[in-house]
Structure formats: structure tokens, C-alpha cells
Amino acid sequence: MSTIGAYLLAAGLALFVLNVVVSVVLKRGKLATDDPWEADTLEWATTSPPPAHNFDTLPEIRSDRPLHDLRVAAAEPEAGAAAEPRAELVEAGA
């Protein structure tokens, strides 16, 4: 019984080592950018990895999606142009 267990343990360890070799050594992918998903929340406004102090001053937050607001403001052709509202998810029965 212990011999069979030793073979199973060795097979599991061999699969783990094979996975590490294939994942890390052979397939080095492209490094992710600071905000790969174009997220809307403030934690994506800093670099990756974040520095010891993320922000020198507190950023001005006027909504629950501050990065979205910054992207919309940057894309506006004129300072007073109104942005199209973003689609909101609505729960059934809410």
C-alpha cells in the first residue's frame, strides 16, 4: 500500500513540476498594464505595483466611478459638452 501511495505522490509531484515548467518557463506572456480592464474605481488609478504612497494628494472624487469620469472628461471635445450617460445594471424587482 505504501508503495502505491509513493507512486501516486511522485506522479502528483511530477504533474506539479510539469505545470510550473509549462506555465512559467515556456509561456511568458505579455505583462499587464496598469489598468488592463479600464476599470472605473480609484485603485486602478495608480501604477502596478503601487508605490508606498499611492497619491501625493487626495484625489477629487465626485462619483462612485472616478476613473470613468476622468476618461469622459478627457474625451470631451469642449469643456462644457455633456457626456452620454453610462448604462446601469438594474436588478429585477428593484
N, C-alpha and C. Protein backbone atom coordinates (compact mmCIF):
# COMPACT_ATOMS: atom_id res chain seq x y z
N MET A 1 0.82 -1.19 0.00
CA MET A 1 0.00 0.00 0.00
C MET A 1 0.87 1.26 0.00
N SER A 2 1.94 1.23 0.80
CA SER A 2 2.79 2.42 0.85
C SER A 2 3.53 2.64 -0.47
N THR A 3 3.84 1.57 -1.19
CA THR A 3 4.50 1.71 -2.48
C THR A 3 3.56 2.38 -3.49
N ILE A 4 2.31 1.97 -3.49
CA ILE A 4 1.32 2.59 -4.38
C ILE A 4 1.15 4.07 -4.01
N GLY A 5 1.08 4.38 -2.72
CA GLY A 5 0.98 5.76 -2.27
C GLY A 5 2.19 6.58 -2.69
N ALA A 6 3.38 5.98 -2.62
CA ALA A 6 4.59 6.68 -3.03
C ALA A 6 4.57 6.99 -4.53
N TYR A 7 4.08 6.04 -5.34
CA TYR A 7 3.97 6.28 -6.78
C TYR A 7 2.94 7.38 -7.07
N LEU A 8 1.82 7.39 -6.37
CA LEU A 8 0.82 8.43 -6.57
C LEU A 8 1.37 9.80 -6.17
N LEU A 9 2.11 9.84 -5.07
CA LEU A 9 2.72 11.09 -4.63
C LEU A 9 3.75 11.58 -5.65
N ALA A 10 4.55 10.68 -6.18
CA ALA A 10 5.55 11.04 -7.19
C ALA A 10 4.87 11.53 -8.47
N ALA A 11 3.77 10.88 -8.86
CA ALA A 11 3.04 11.31 -10.07
C ALA A 11 2.47 12.70 -9.86
N GLY A 12 1.90 12.97 -8.69
CA GLY A 12 1.37 14.30 -8.41
C GLY A 12 2.45 15.36 -8.41
N LEU A 13 3.59 15.06 -7.85
CA LEU A 13 4.71 15.99 -7.83
C LEU A 13 5.23 16.23 -9.25
N ALA A 14 5.27 15.18 -10.06
CA ALA A 14 5.72 15.33 -11.45
C ALA A 14 4.76 16.23 -12.23
N LEU A 15 3.44 16.09 -12.00
CA LEU A 15 2.48 16.96 -12.66
C LEU A 15 2.65 18.41 -12.22
N PHE A 16 2.92 18.62 -10.95
CA PHE A 16 3.14 19.98 -10.45
C PHE A 16 4.37 20.60 -11.11
N VAL A 17 5.47 19.88 -11.16
CA VAL A 17 6.70 20.39 -11.77
C VAL A 17 6.47 20.67 -13.26
N LEU A 18 5.76 19.78 -13.94
CA LEU A 18 5.45 19.99 -15.36
C LEU A 18 4.62 21.26 -15.54
N ASN A 19 3.64 21.47 -14.67
CA ASN A 19 2.81 22.67 -14.75
C ASN A 19 3.64 23.93 -14.54
N VAL A 20 4.56 23.92 -13.59
CA VAL A 20 5.42 25.07 -13.35
C VAL A 20 6.30 25.35 -14.56
N VAL A 21 6.86 24.32 -15.13
CA VAL A 21 7.74 24.50 -16.29
C VAL A 21 6.96 25.06 -17.47
N VAL A 22 5.79 24.51 -17.74
CA VAL A 22 5.00 24.98 -18.88
C VAL A 22 4.49 26.40 -18.64
N SER A 23 4.00 26.68 -17.43
CA SER A 23 3.40 27.98 -17.15
C SER A 23 4.42 29.10 -17.04
N VAL A 24 5.50 28.87 -16.35
CA VAL A 24 6.45 29.94 -16.06
C VAL A 24 7.57 30.01 -17.08
N VAL A 25 8.16 28.91 -17.38
CA VAL A 25 9.37 28.92 -18.20
C VAL A 25 9.05 29.01 -19.69
N LEU A 26 8.09 28.24 -20.15
CA LEU A 26 7.87 28.16 -21.59
C LEU A 26 6.90 29.21 -22.13
N LYS A 27 5.94 29.62 -21.33
CA LYS A 27 4.91 30.53 -21.83
C LYS A 27 4.96 31.86 -21.07
N ARG A 28 5.89 32.68 -21.40
CA ARG A 28 5.95 34.02 -20.79
C ARG A 28 5.06 34.93 -21.61
N GLY A 29 3.98 35.37 -20.99
CA GLY A 29 3.03 36.23 -21.68
C GLY A 29 3.40 37.69 -21.58
N LYS A 30 2.59 38.51 -22.22
CA LYS A 30 2.78 39.95 -22.18
C LYS A 30 2.41 40.45 -20.79
N LEU A 31 3.21 41.36 -20.25
CA LEU A 31 2.93 41.92 -18.93
C LEU A 31 1.69 42.79 -18.98
N ALA A 32 0.91 42.74 -17.94
CA ALA A 32 -0.30 43.55 -17.87
C ALA A 32 0.05 45.01 -17.66
N THR A 33 -0.79 45.88 -18.18
CA THR A 33 -0.61 47.32 -18.00
C THR A 33 -1.15 47.72 -16.63
N ASP A 34 -1.07 49.00 -16.31
CA ASP A 34 -1.55 49.46 -15.01
C ASP A 34 -3.05 49.26 -14.83
N ASP A 35 -3.83 49.44 -15.88
CA ASP A 35 -5.28 49.28 -15.82
C ASP A 35 -5.75 48.47 -17.03
N PRO A 36 -5.52 47.16 -17.04
CA PRO A 36 -5.82 46.37 -18.23
C PRO A 36 -7.30 46.26 -18.56
N TRP A 37 -8.19 46.47 -17.59
CA TRP A 37 -9.62 46.31 -17.83
C TRP A 37 -10.33 47.65 -18.00
N GLU A 38 -9.60 48.74 -17.98
CA GLU A 38 -10.19 50.07 -17.99
C GLU A 38 -11.28 50.17 -16.93
N ALA A 39 -10.92 49.83 -15.71
CA ALA A 39 -11.85 49.83 -14.59
C ALA A 39 -12.22 51.26 -14.21
N ASP A 40 -13.27 51.39 -13.41
CA ASP A 40 -13.78 52.71 -13.07
C ASP A 40 -13.43 53.16 -11.66
N THR A 41 -12.89 52.28 -10.84
CA THR A 41 -12.66 52.62 -9.44
C THR A 41 -11.24 53.14 -9.23
N LEU A 42 -11.05 53.82 -8.12
CA LEU A 42 -9.85 54.60 -7.88
C LEU A 42 -8.58 53.77 -7.71
N GLU A 43 -8.70 52.53 -7.25
CA GLU A 43 -7.47 51.75 -7.03
C GLU A 43 -6.73 51.46 -8.33
N TRP A 44 -7.39 51.61 -9.48
CA TRP A 44 -6.72 51.38 -10.76
C TRP A 44 -6.06 52.65 -11.29
N ALA A 45 -6.14 53.74 -10.55
CA ALA A 45 -5.53 55.00 -11.00
C ALA A 45 -4.04 55.05 -10.70
N THR A 46 -3.52 54.12 -9.97
CA THR A 46 -2.10 54.11 -9.62
C THR A 46 -1.36 53.09 -10.48
N THR A 47 -0.06 53.09 -10.39
CA THR A 47 0.75 52.16 -11.18
C THR A 47 0.71 50.78 -10.56
N SER A 48 1.17 49.81 -11.29
CA SER A 48 1.24 48.43 -10.80
C SER A 48 2.69 47.97 -10.88
N PRO A 49 3.29 47.58 -9.79
CA PRO A 49 2.81 47.58 -8.40
C PRO A 49 2.74 49.00 -7.86
N PRO A 50 1.83 49.22 -6.92
CA PRO A 50 1.66 50.58 -6.40
C PRO A 50 2.85 51.03 -5.56
N PRO A 51 3.16 52.33 -5.59
CA PRO A 51 4.25 52.84 -4.76
C PRO A 51 3.83 52.87 -3.29
N ALA A 52 4.74 53.22 -2.41
CA ALA A 52 4.45 53.24 -0.97
C ALA A 52 3.31 54.21 -0.66
N HIS A 53 3.29 55.35 -1.31
CA HIS A 53 2.20 56.32 -1.14
C HIS A 53 1.55 56.48 -2.50
N ASN A 54 0.35 55.93 -2.65
CA ASN A 54 -0.31 55.91 -3.96
C ASN A 54 -0.53 57.29 -4.54
N PHE A 55 -1.01 58.23 -3.73
CA PHE A 55 -1.32 59.56 -4.22
C PHE A 55 -0.63 60.59 -3.34
N ASP A 56 -0.03 61.61 -3.96
CA ASP A 56 0.60 62.68 -3.19
C ASP A 56 -0.44 63.51 -2.46
N THR A 57 -1.56 63.75 -3.12
CA THR A 57 -2.69 64.47 -2.51
C THR A 57 -3.94 63.63 -2.73
N LEU A 58 -4.96 63.90 -1.93
CA LEU A 58 -6.20 63.17 -2.10
C LEU A 58 -6.85 63.55 -3.41
N PRO A 59 -7.21 62.56 -4.23
CA PRO A 59 -7.87 62.90 -5.49
C PRO A 59 -9.30 63.37 -5.25
N GLU A 60 -9.78 64.24 -6.13
CA GLU A 60 -11.14 64.74 -6.02
C GLU A 60 -12.10 63.68 -6.56
N ILE A 61 -13.03 63.26 -5.73
CA ILE A 61 -13.96 62.21 -6.11
C ILE A 61 -15.37 62.79 -6.08
N ARG A 62 -16.04 62.74 -7.23
CA ARG A 62 -17.39 63.29 -7.33
C ARG A 62 -18.43 62.21 -7.61
N SER A 63 -18.01 60.97 -7.83
CA SER A 63 -18.95 59.89 -8.10
C SER A 63 -18.34 58.57 -7.64
N ASP A 64 -19.08 57.50 -7.84
CA ASP A 64 -18.54 56.19 -7.47
C ASP A 64 -17.68 55.59 -8.59
N ARG A 65 -17.52 56.32 -9.70
CA ARG A 65 -16.68 55.86 -10.82
C ARG A 65 -15.72 56.97 -11.24
N PRO A 66 -14.74 57.30 -10.41
CA PRO A 66 -13.89 58.45 -10.71
C PRO A 66 -13.04 58.28 -11.97
N LEU A 67 -12.56 57.09 -12.27
CA LEU A 67 -11.75 56.92 -13.48
C LEU A 67 -12.59 57.04 -14.74
N HIS A 68 -13.82 56.57 -14.68
CA HIS A 68 -14.73 56.73 -15.81
C HIS A 68 -14.96 58.22 -16.07
N ASP A 69 -15.16 58.97 -14.98
CA ASP A 69 -15.37 60.41 -15.12
C ASP A 69 -14.15 61.08 -15.75
N LEU A 70 -12.95 60.67 -15.37
CA LEU A 70 -11.74 61.26 -15.96
C LEU A 70 -11.61 60.92 -17.44
N ARG A 71 -11.95 59.68 -17.82
CA ARG A 71 -11.88 59.30 -19.24
C ARG A 71 -12.91 60.07 -20.06
N VAL A 72 -14.11 60.25 -19.52
CA VAL A 72 -15.14 61.00 -20.23
C VAL A 72 -14.71 62.45 -20.38
N ALA A 73 -14.17 63.04 -19.32
CA ALA A 73 -13.72 64.44 -19.38
C ALA A 73 -12.58 64.60 -20.38
N ALA A 74 -11.69 63.63 -20.46
CA ALA A 74 -10.58 63.72 -21.41
C ALA A 74 -11.05 63.55 -22.85
N ALA A 75 -12.14 62.82 -23.05
CA ALA A 75 -12.63 62.57 -24.41
C ALA A 75 -13.55 63.66 -24.91
N GLU A 76 -14.02 64.54 -24.03
CA GLU A 76 -14.93 65.62 -24.44
C GLU A 76 -14.21 66.62 -25.32
N PRO A 77 -14.80 66.97 -26.46
CA PRO A 77 -14.14 67.95 -27.34
C PRO A 77 -14.17 69.36 -26.77
N GLU A 78 -15.23 69.70 -26.02
CA GLU A 78 -15.34 71.02 -25.42
C GLU A 78 -15.49 70.88 -23.92
N ALA A 79 -15.15 71.89 -23.20
CA ALA A 79 -15.20 71.83 -21.74
C ALA A 79 -16.62 71.68 -21.23
N GLY A 80 -17.62 72.26 -21.90
CA GLY A 80 -18.99 72.21 -21.40
C GLY A 80 -19.84 71.13 -22.03
N ALA A 81 -19.27 70.26 -22.86
CA ALA A 81 -20.06 69.25 -23.55
C ALA A 81 -20.57 68.20 -22.57
N ALA A 82 -21.80 67.80 -22.78
CA ALA A 82 -22.40 66.78 -21.91
C ALA A 82 -22.03 65.39 -22.42
N ALA A 83 -21.66 64.51 -21.51
CA ALA A 83 -21.30 63.15 -21.87
C ALA A 83 -22.55 62.29 -21.88
N GLU A 84 -22.53 61.26 -22.71
CA GLU A 84 -23.65 60.32 -22.72
C GLU A 84 -23.65 59.54 -21.42
N PRO A 85 -24.83 59.32 -20.85
CA PRO A 85 -24.86 58.57 -19.60
C PRO A 85 -24.46 57.12 -19.82
N ARG A 86 -23.84 56.57 -18.85
CA ARG A 86 -23.39 55.19 -18.91
C ARG A 86 -24.54 54.27 -18.53
N ALA A 87 -24.67 53.15 -19.21
CA ALA A 87 -25.74 52.20 -18.92
C ALA A 87 -25.55 51.61 -17.53
N GLU A 88 -26.61 51.54 -16.78
CA GLU A 88 -26.57 51.00 -15.42
C GLU A 88 -27.23 49.63 -15.41
N LEU A 89 -26.75 48.76 -14.56
CA LEU A 89 -27.38 47.46 -14.36
C LEU A 89 -28.54 47.64 -13.41
N VAL A 90 -29.67 47.06 -13.74
CA VAL A 90 -30.85 47.16 -12.89
C VAL A 90 -31.28 45.75 -12.54
N GLU A 91 -31.44 45.51 -11.24
CA GLU A 91 -31.88 44.20 -10.80
C GLU A 91 -33.38 44.07 -11.00
N ALA A 92 -33.83 42.86 -11.32
CA ALA A 92 -35.25 42.62 -11.49
C ALA A 92 -35.95 42.80 -10.16
N GLY A 93 -37.05 43.54 -10.18
CA GLY A 93 -37.81 43.78 -8.96
C GLY A 93 -37.29 44.92 -8.13
N ALA A 94 -36.27 45.60 -8.59
CA ALA A 94 -35.71 46.71 -7.80
C ALA A 94 -36.35 48.01 -8.21
